[in-house]
N, C-alpha and C. Protein backbone atom coordinates (compact mmCIF):
# COMPACT_ATOMS: atom_id res chain seq x y z
N UNK A 1 1.33 20.69 -13.80
CA UNK A 1 1.91 19.77 -14.74
C UNK A 1 2.59 20.51 -15.89
N UNK A 2 2.02 21.65 -16.24
CA UNK A 2 2.57 22.41 -17.35
C UNK A 2 3.99 22.87 -17.05
N UNK A 3 4.22 23.32 -15.82
CA UNK A 3 5.55 23.78 -15.42
C UNK A 3 6.55 22.62 -15.44
N UNK A 4 6.12 21.47 -14.96
CA UNK A 4 7.00 20.30 -14.97
C UNK A 4 7.34 19.89 -16.40
N UNK A 5 6.33 19.90 -17.29
CA UNK A 5 6.58 19.52 -18.67
C UNK A 5 7.53 20.50 -19.34
N UNK A 6 7.37 21.80 -19.08
CA UNK A 6 8.27 22.78 -19.68
C UNK A 6 9.72 22.51 -19.26
N UNK A 7 9.91 22.17 -17.98
CA UNK A 7 11.26 21.90 -17.50
C UNK A 7 11.81 20.63 -18.15
N UNK A 8 11.01 19.56 -18.18
CA UNK A 8 11.46 18.29 -18.76
C UNK A 8 11.71 18.46 -20.26
N UNK A 9 10.86 19.23 -20.93
CA UNK A 9 10.99 19.42 -22.36
C UNK A 9 12.25 20.22 -22.72
N UNK A 10 12.74 21.02 -21.78
CA UNK A 10 13.95 21.80 -22.05
C UNK A 10 15.22 20.95 -21.97
N UNK A 11 15.13 19.75 -21.41
CA UNK A 11 16.29 18.87 -21.31
C UNK A 11 16.64 18.30 -22.67
N UNK A 12 17.90 18.04 -22.89
CA UNK A 12 18.36 17.51 -24.18
C UNK A 12 18.45 15.98 -24.11
N UNK A 13 17.27 15.35 -24.12
CA UNK A 13 17.17 13.89 -24.13
C UNK A 13 16.12 13.49 -25.17
N UNK A 14 16.01 12.20 -25.42
CA UNK A 14 15.04 11.70 -26.41
C UNK A 14 13.61 11.91 -25.91
N UNK A 15 12.67 11.91 -26.86
CA UNK A 15 11.26 12.12 -26.55
C UNK A 15 10.74 11.08 -25.56
N UNK A 16 11.07 9.81 -25.78
CA UNK A 16 10.61 8.75 -24.88
C UNK A 16 11.14 8.91 -23.47
N UNK A 17 12.37 9.37 -23.35
CA UNK A 17 12.96 9.60 -22.04
C UNK A 17 12.27 10.77 -21.36
N UNK A 18 11.91 11.79 -22.13
CA UNK A 18 11.19 12.93 -21.56
C UNK A 18 9.85 12.50 -21.00
N UNK A 19 9.16 11.64 -21.73
CA UNK A 19 7.85 11.17 -21.28
C UNK A 19 7.97 10.38 -19.99
N UNK A 20 8.92 9.45 -19.95
CA UNK A 20 9.11 8.64 -18.74
C UNK A 20 9.54 9.51 -17.56
N UNK A 21 10.45 10.44 -17.79
CA UNK A 21 10.91 11.33 -16.73
C UNK A 21 9.77 12.19 -16.21
N UNK A 22 8.93 12.71 -17.11
CA UNK A 22 7.78 13.51 -16.70
C UNK A 22 6.84 12.71 -15.82
N UNK A 23 6.52 11.48 -16.21
CA UNK A 23 5.61 10.66 -15.42
C UNK A 23 6.20 10.31 -14.06
N UNK A 24 7.49 10.00 -14.01
CA UNK A 24 8.14 9.72 -12.73
C UNK A 24 8.11 10.94 -11.82
N UNK A 25 8.43 12.10 -12.36
CA UNK A 25 8.46 13.32 -11.54
C UNK A 25 7.06 13.64 -11.03
N UNK A 26 6.05 13.55 -11.90
CA UNK A 26 4.67 13.83 -11.47
C UNK A 26 4.23 12.86 -10.38
N UNK A 27 4.58 11.61 -10.52
CA UNK A 27 4.22 10.62 -9.50
C UNK A 27 4.91 10.93 -8.18
N UNK A 28 6.20 11.25 -8.22
CA UNK A 28 6.93 11.56 -6.99
C UNK A 28 6.43 12.83 -6.33
N UNK A 29 6.08 13.83 -7.12
CA UNK A 29 5.53 15.07 -6.56
C UNK A 29 4.24 14.78 -5.81
N UNK A 30 3.38 13.97 -6.39
CA UNK A 30 2.12 13.65 -5.74
C UNK A 30 2.29 12.74 -4.53
N UNK A 31 3.31 11.90 -4.53
CA UNK A 31 3.63 11.12 -3.33
C UNK A 31 4.02 12.06 -2.20
N UNK A 32 4.85 13.04 -2.50
CA UNK A 32 5.29 13.99 -1.46
C UNK A 32 4.12 14.84 -0.97
N UNK A 33 3.25 15.27 -1.87
CA UNK A 33 2.08 16.06 -1.45
C UNK A 33 1.19 15.24 -0.53
N UNK A 34 0.96 13.99 -0.86
CA UNK A 34 0.16 13.12 0.00
C UNK A 34 0.80 12.90 1.36
N UNK A 35 2.11 12.73 1.39
CA UNK A 35 2.80 12.53 2.67
C UNK A 35 2.71 13.79 3.54
N UNK A 36 2.89 14.95 2.94
CA UNK A 36 2.79 16.20 3.70
C UNK A 36 1.37 16.40 4.21
N UNK A 37 0.39 16.10 3.37
CA UNK A 37 -1.01 16.23 3.80
C UNK A 37 -1.30 15.30 4.97
N UNK A 38 -0.78 14.08 4.92
CA UNK A 38 -0.98 13.16 6.03
C UNK A 38 -0.28 13.67 7.29
N UNK A 39 0.92 14.21 7.14
CA UNK A 39 1.63 14.75 8.31
C UNK A 39 0.88 15.91 8.94
N UNK A 40 0.23 16.74 8.13
CA UNK A 40 -0.49 17.90 8.64
C UNK A 40 -1.86 17.54 9.22
N UNK A 41 -2.60 16.68 8.56
CA UNK A 41 -3.98 16.41 8.94
C UNK A 41 -4.17 14.98 9.42
N UNK A 42 -3.74 14.06 8.64
CA UNK A 42 -4.02 12.65 8.90
C UNK A 42 -3.38 12.10 10.14
N UNK A 43 -2.24 12.62 10.52
CA UNK A 43 -1.54 12.08 11.68
C UNK A 43 -2.35 12.26 12.96
N UNK A 44 -3.12 13.34 13.00
CA UNK A 44 -3.95 13.59 14.18
C UNK A 44 -5.22 12.74 14.18
N UNK A 45 -5.86 12.63 13.03
CA UNK A 45 -7.15 11.97 12.95
C UNK A 45 -7.08 10.53 12.45
N UNK A 46 -6.10 10.22 11.62
CA UNK A 46 -5.97 8.88 11.04
C UNK A 46 -4.55 8.36 11.25
N UNK A 47 -4.17 8.07 12.49
CA UNK A 47 -2.80 7.59 12.72
C UNK A 47 -2.62 6.18 12.18
N UNK A 48 -1.41 5.89 11.83
CA UNK A 48 -1.09 4.56 11.34
C UNK A 48 -0.42 4.63 9.98
N UNK A 49 0.50 3.71 9.79
CA UNK A 49 1.28 3.68 8.55
C UNK A 49 0.40 3.32 7.36
N UNK A 50 -0.65 2.56 7.56
CA UNK A 50 -1.53 2.21 6.46
C UNK A 50 -2.23 3.43 5.89
N UNK A 51 -2.57 4.39 6.72
CA UNK A 51 -3.18 5.63 6.23
C UNK A 51 -2.16 6.48 5.48
N UNK A 52 -0.92 6.46 5.93
CA UNK A 52 0.14 7.18 5.21
C UNK A 52 0.30 6.62 3.80
N UNK A 53 0.27 5.32 3.69
CA UNK A 53 0.40 4.68 2.37
C UNK A 53 -0.79 5.05 1.48
N UNK A 54 -1.99 5.11 2.06
CA UNK A 54 -3.17 5.53 1.29
C UNK A 54 -3.05 6.98 0.86
N UNK A 55 -2.62 7.85 1.77
CA UNK A 55 -2.48 9.26 1.45
C UNK A 55 -1.42 9.49 0.36
N UNK A 56 -0.42 8.65 0.31
CA UNK A 56 0.62 8.78 -0.71
C UNK A 56 0.25 8.04 -2.00
N UNK A 57 -0.37 6.89 -1.88
CA UNK A 57 -0.60 6.03 -3.04
C UNK A 57 -1.70 6.50 -3.97
N UNK A 58 -2.83 6.89 -3.40
CA UNK A 58 -3.94 7.30 -4.26
C UNK A 58 -3.63 8.54 -5.09
N UNK A 59 -3.10 9.62 -4.50
CA UNK A 59 -2.74 10.77 -5.36
C UNK A 59 -1.65 10.42 -6.37
N UNK A 60 -0.70 9.58 -5.96
CA UNK A 60 0.39 9.22 -6.88
C UNK A 60 -0.15 8.49 -8.10
N UNK A 61 -1.04 7.55 -7.90
CA UNK A 61 -1.54 6.76 -9.02
C UNK A 61 -2.57 7.52 -9.86
N UNK A 62 -3.50 8.20 -9.20
CA UNK A 62 -4.59 8.83 -9.95
C UNK A 62 -4.20 10.21 -10.48
N UNK A 63 -3.64 11.06 -9.66
CA UNK A 63 -3.28 12.40 -10.12
C UNK A 63 -1.94 12.37 -10.84
N UNK A 64 -0.94 11.70 -10.26
CA UNK A 64 0.39 11.69 -10.85
C UNK A 64 0.50 10.88 -12.11
N UNK A 65 0.24 9.60 -12.02
CA UNK A 65 0.44 8.71 -13.16
C UNK A 65 -0.69 8.82 -14.19
N UNK A 66 -1.92 8.66 -13.75
CA UNK A 66 -3.04 8.73 -14.68
C UNK A 66 -3.23 10.16 -15.22
N UNK A 67 -3.17 11.15 -14.33
CA UNK A 67 -3.30 12.54 -14.77
C UNK A 67 -2.17 12.96 -15.69
N UNK A 68 -0.95 12.53 -15.38
CA UNK A 68 0.19 12.83 -16.24
C UNK A 68 0.06 12.17 -17.60
N UNK A 69 -0.44 10.95 -17.63
CA UNK A 69 -0.65 10.26 -18.90
C UNK A 69 -1.71 10.97 -19.74
N UNK A 70 -2.81 11.37 -19.11
CA UNK A 70 -3.85 12.11 -19.83
C UNK A 70 -3.33 13.46 -20.31
N UNK A 71 -2.49 14.10 -19.51
CA UNK A 71 -1.89 15.37 -19.93
C UNK A 71 -1.03 15.17 -21.18
N UNK A 72 -0.26 14.11 -21.21
CA UNK A 72 0.59 13.85 -22.37
C UNK A 72 -0.24 13.47 -23.60
N UNK A 73 -1.35 12.75 -23.42
CA UNK A 73 -2.21 12.42 -24.56
C UNK A 73 -2.82 13.67 -25.18
N UNK A 74 -3.14 14.66 -24.36
CA UNK A 74 -3.76 15.89 -24.85
C UNK A 74 -2.74 16.95 -25.23
N UNK A 75 -1.48 16.66 -25.05
CA UNK A 75 -0.41 17.62 -25.31
C UNK A 75 0.08 17.49 -26.74
N UNK A 76 0.27 18.62 -27.39
CA UNK A 76 0.82 18.60 -28.74
C UNK A 76 2.34 18.69 -28.67
N UNK A 77 3.00 17.73 -29.26
CA UNK A 77 4.46 17.72 -29.27
C UNK A 77 4.97 18.52 -30.44
N UNK A 78 6.11 19.15 -30.23
CA UNK A 78 6.73 19.92 -31.30
C UNK A 78 7.36 18.96 -32.31
N UNK A 79 7.25 19.30 -33.56
CA UNK A 79 7.86 18.48 -34.61
C UNK A 79 9.37 18.68 -34.61
N UNK A 80 10.10 17.59 -34.61
CA UNK A 80 11.56 17.70 -34.64
C UNK A 80 12.04 17.76 -36.09
N UNK A 81 13.11 18.49 -36.31
CA UNK A 81 13.63 18.68 -37.66
C UNK A 81 14.65 17.65 -38.01
């Protein structure tokens, strides 16, 4: 998350836009990680589109969105001049 925040923070946009962009990117990254994990492991043992949605949805909501929100709450923002 730190690497993603550094990249988003380097963009020349408003603070609120940075926060929204960071949360979207973190959620999408975790959706992709879940899909890849399902393709590698779950497809053999847990076939079905419903399992793919679970593999993508739970990491996206808990690690991506909730984890990203907690990261931003604990993050100190730089004071703008």
